[in-house]
Amino acid sequence: MKCPSLCCRMAGYVHVSREDIRRLAKHLGITVPAFEAKHILEITRKGEKRIKSGYKTCQFLTPDRLCGVYAARPNDCRGYVCWNQEDETVYDYAAFLQVPVEKLRDREKDVKK
């Protein structure tokens, strides 16, 4: 199964710890301050740093729906699983959401026939 990148394209935030930031900066070949200046999108009132906001697509998602920083991805991303679980409900839902509306309409027409 190919990951449908639901978490990267839909609702949710990605918090990054100091360790995450160091790992990502090293992976990208930049300094920690340069990473923070370029890639931190929000800082919460509690001081938590985020690289993905709400309903926005993650800045590191590539056009072919792969993670551009997979080897160094944050712990929030490492802990998110939907594509490799026995219960495929979340995966199936994520895959369904990515079907273009026109294809869904075509399927509906085929069912009515």
Protein backbone atom coordinates (compact mmCIF):
# COMPACT_ATOMS: atom_id res chain seq x y z
CA MET A 1 0.00 0.00 0.00
CA LYS A 2 1.17 3.51 -0.77
CA CYS A 3 0.68 6.07 1.96
CA PRO A 4 -2.09 8.48 0.92
CA SER A 5 -0.39 11.34 2.83
CA LEU A 6 -3.58 12.23 4.70
CA CYS A 7 -1.71 13.56 7.71
CA CYS A 8 0.53 15.70 5.50
CA ARG A 9 -2.30 17.26 3.52
CA MET A 10 -5.22 17.50 5.91
CA ALA A 11 -6.01 18.63 9.42
CA GLY A 12 -3.36 18.61 12.06
CA TYR A 13 -0.32 20.33 13.40
CA VAL A 14 3.25 19.09 13.49
CA HIS A 15 5.11 20.11 16.61
CA VAL A 16 8.89 19.96 16.54
CA SER A 17 11.11 19.47 19.56
CA ARG A 18 14.66 20.78 19.86
CA GLU A 19 15.87 17.32 18.82
CA ASP A 20 13.58 17.36 15.78
CA ILE A 21 14.83 20.79 14.77
CA ARG A 22 18.48 19.76 15.10
CA ARG A 23 17.87 16.58 13.11
CA LEU A 24 15.96 18.42 10.36
CA ALA A 25 18.53 21.21 10.13
CA LYS A 26 21.37 18.70 9.82
CA HIS A 27 19.43 16.75 7.19
CA LEU A 28 18.86 19.92 5.16
CA GLY A 29 22.46 21.07 5.62
CA ILE A 30 21.58 24.33 7.37
CA THR A 31 22.04 25.75 10.86
CA VAL A 32 19.40 25.49 13.55
CA PRO A 33 18.74 29.27 13.47
CA ALA A 34 18.43 29.15 9.66
CA PHE A 35 16.00 26.21 9.91
CA GLU A 36 13.89 28.02 12.49
CA ALA A 37 13.81 31.24 10.47
CA LYS A 38 12.75 29.44 7.30
CA HIS A 39 10.60 26.53 8.46
CA ILE A 40 8.94 27.31 11.81
CA LEU A 41 5.45 28.48 10.90
CA GLU A 42 3.98 29.00 14.37
CA ILE A 43 5.00 29.25 17.97
CA THR A 44 2.22 28.57 20.45
CA ARG A 45 1.66 30.49 23.67
CA LYS A 46 3.33 27.57 25.44
CA GLY A 47 6.38 28.02 23.21
CA GLU A 48 5.81 24.89 21.12
CA LYS A 49 7.16 25.25 17.59
CA ARG A 50 5.26 23.96 14.56
CA ILE A 51 6.28 23.23 10.99
CA LYS A 52 2.72 22.44 9.85
CA SER A 53 -0.41 24.41 10.64
CA GLY A 54 -3.98 23.24 10.83
CA TYR A 55 -5.49 22.45 7.46
CA LYS A 56 -2.43 23.38 5.41
CA THR A 57 -0.28 20.95 3.45
CA CYS A 58 3.08 20.21 5.04
CA GLN A 59 5.88 22.26 3.54
CA PHE A 60 8.01 19.12 3.18
CA LEU A 61 5.50 17.09 1.16
CA THR A 62 6.86 16.59 -2.36
CA PRO A 63 4.68 16.77 -5.51
CA ASP A 64 4.65 12.95 -5.70
CA ARG A 65 3.19 12.86 -2.15
CA LEU A 66 6.35 11.68 -0.44
CA CYS A 67 8.04 13.19 2.59
CA GLY A 68 10.97 15.32 1.50
CA VAL A 69 12.63 14.92 4.91
CA TYR A 70 11.54 11.34 5.66
CA ALA A 71 14.86 10.21 7.15
CA ALA A 72 14.81 13.17 9.56
CA ARG A 73 11.04 13.59 10.01
CA PRO A 74 9.79 14.88 13.37
CA ASN A 75 8.58 12.56 16.14
CA ASP A 76 4.99 13.71 15.50
CA CYS A 77 5.27 12.25 12.00
CA ARG A 78 7.11 9.11 13.11
CA GLY A 79 4.28 8.33 15.49
CA TYR A 80 1.47 8.76 12.98
CA VAL A 81 0.40 5.49 11.43
CA CYS A 82 -2.54 4.78 9.19
CA TRP A 83 -1.13 2.84 6.26
CA ASN A 84 0.48 -0.11 8.04
CA GLN A 85 -2.17 -1.12 10.55
CA GLU A 86 -4.33 -4.24 10.60
CA ASP A 87 -7.44 -2.06 10.69
CA GLU A 88 -7.27 -0.17 7.39
CA THR A 89 -10.21 2.15 8.14
CA VAL A 90 -8.11 5.30 8.39
CA TYR A 91 -6.03 4.34 5.35
CA ASP A 92 -9.14 3.55 3.28
CA TYR A 93 -10.71 6.86 4.29
CA ALA A 94 -7.52 8.74 3.41
CA ALA A 95 -7.34 7.02 0.04
CA PHE A 96 -11.03 7.79 -0.61
CA LEU A 97 -10.51 11.49 0.13
CA GLN A 98 -7.94 11.64 -2.62
CA VAL A 99 -10.21 10.36 -5.37
CA PRO A 100 -11.10 13.27 -7.67
CA VAL A 101 -14.79 14.23 -7.61
CA GLU A 102 -15.20 13.43 -11.31
CA LYS A 103 -14.06 9.84 -10.74
CA LEU A 104 -16.51 9.51 -7.85
CA ARG A 105 -19.32 10.75 -10.11
CA ASP A 106 -18.32 8.21 -12.76
CA ARG A 107 -18.40 5.44 -10.15
CA GLU A 108 -21.83 6.57 -9.03
CA LYS A 109 -23.09 6.47 -12.63
CA ASP A 110 -21.72 2.94 -13.04
CA VAL A 111 -23.49 1.77 -9.86
CA LYS A 112 -26.83 3.19 -11.02
CA LYS A 113 -26.66 1.31 -14.34
